[in-house]
Protein backbone atom coordinates (compact mmCIF):
# COMPACT_ATOMS: atom_id res chain seq x y z
CA MET A 1 116.69 38.10 59.34
CA ASP A 2 119.76 39.00 57.44
CA ARG A 3 121.04 42.43 56.53
CA GLU A 4 120.34 42.05 52.81
CA TYR A 5 116.70 41.27 53.54
CA ASP A 6 116.44 44.26 55.88
CA ASP A 7 118.04 46.55 53.29
CA THR A 8 115.66 45.30 50.59
CA GLN A 9 112.65 45.86 52.85
CA ARG A 10 113.82 49.39 53.61
CA LEU A 11 114.29 50.14 49.90
CA ILE A 12 110.80 48.84 49.16
CA GLU A 13 109.38 51.02 51.92
CA LEU A 14 111.20 54.11 50.64
CA TYR A 15 110.07 53.37 47.08
CA VAL A 16 106.42 52.99 48.07
CA GLN A 17 106.57 56.20 50.13
CA GLY A 18 108.04 58.06 47.17
CA SER A 19 111.13 58.93 49.23
CA LEU A 20 113.69 57.83 46.64
CA SER A 21 115.15 60.31 44.18
CA SER A 22 114.11 59.83 40.57
CA ASP A 23 117.48 58.20 39.83
CA GLU A 24 117.17 55.88 42.84
CA ALA A 25 113.59 54.96 41.90
CA ALA A 26 114.66 54.18 38.33
CA GLU A 27 117.53 52.03 39.61
CA PHE A 28 115.16 50.25 42.01
CA GLU A 29 112.69 49.55 39.19
CA GLU A 30 115.41 48.33 36.84
CA PHE A 31 116.94 46.00 39.40
CA PHE A 32 113.92 44.64 41.27
CA MET A 33 110.94 44.72 38.93
CA ASP A 34 111.84 41.42 37.26
CA GLN A 35 111.97 39.58 40.59
CA PRO A 36 108.57 38.07 41.53
CA GLU A 37 109.32 37.88 45.27
CA ILE A 38 110.18 41.58 45.33
CA LEU A 39 107.02 42.45 43.40
CA ALA A 40 104.98 40.53 45.99
CA GLU A 41 106.67 42.47 48.81
CA LEU A 42 106.10 45.72 46.94
CA GLU A 43 102.40 45.00 46.62
CA ALA A 44 102.18 44.09 50.32
CA HIS A 45 103.81 47.41 51.27
CA ARG A 46 101.48 49.33 48.96
CA ALA A 47 98.42 47.60 50.40
CA LEU A 48 99.56 48.33 53.95
CA GLN A 49 100.25 51.97 53.12
CA GLN A 50 96.76 52.35 51.63
CA THR A 51 94.99 50.48 54.45
CA LEU A 52 96.81 51.79 57.49
CA PRO A 53 95.35 55.32 57.52
CA ASP A 54 91.83 53.87 57.40
CA VAL A 55 92.59 51.45 60.22
CA LEU A 56 94.09 54.17 62.39
CA ASP A 57 90.92 56.23 61.97
CA GLU A 58 88.76 53.46 63.43
CA PRO A 59 87.07 54.86 66.58
CA GLU A 60 87.61 51.59 68.45
CA LEU A 61 91.33 51.74 67.77
CA LYS A 62 91.61 55.37 68.81
CA CYS A 63 89.84 54.58 72.09
CA GLY A 64 92.06 51.57 72.62
CA LEU A 65 95.22 53.55 71.97
CA ALA A 66 94.16 56.26 74.41
CA ARG A 67 93.17 53.66 77.00
CA ASP A 68 96.42 51.72 76.62
CA LYS A 69 98.61 54.81 76.87
CA PRO A 70 100.29 54.74 80.28
CA ALA A 71 99.24 57.57 82.53
CA GLN A 72 101.98 59.73 83.92
CA ASP A 73 102.15 59.01 87.63
CA SER A 74 103.02 62.06 89.67
CA SER A 75 102.14 60.62 93.05
CA PRO A 76 104.63 61.31 95.85
CA GLN A 77 105.41 57.58 96.14
CA HIS A 78 106.13 57.32 92.39
CA GLU A 79 108.41 60.34 92.52
CA ALA A 80 110.23 58.92 95.53
CA ASP A 81 110.63 55.58 93.75
CA THR A 82 111.96 57.19 90.57
CA GLY A 83 113.91 60.02 92.14
CA GLY A 84 111.72 62.50 90.34
CA ASP A 85 110.83 65.93 91.58
CA GLY A 86 107.64 66.19 89.52
CA ASN A 87 109.34 68.49 87.00
CA ASN A 88 110.11 66.00 84.22
């Protein structure tokens, strides 16, 4: 991906989040709103922003995230291997 694409994606994200100042939002709208590919990206970001909180509340996902979280190993062998003293 190129830098211009990354910058555009970041601007879209900030716009959808409402993180742009009113002047920046107006400039964004003036510049990008007549570009169909940007409008499609904007709609995709909006859909993701609306859907993501619902997905993260899914019980199966919460259980999976907790299960996949690595446990902190404080065994003597682990501490010896990592040079830890158990007081991270």
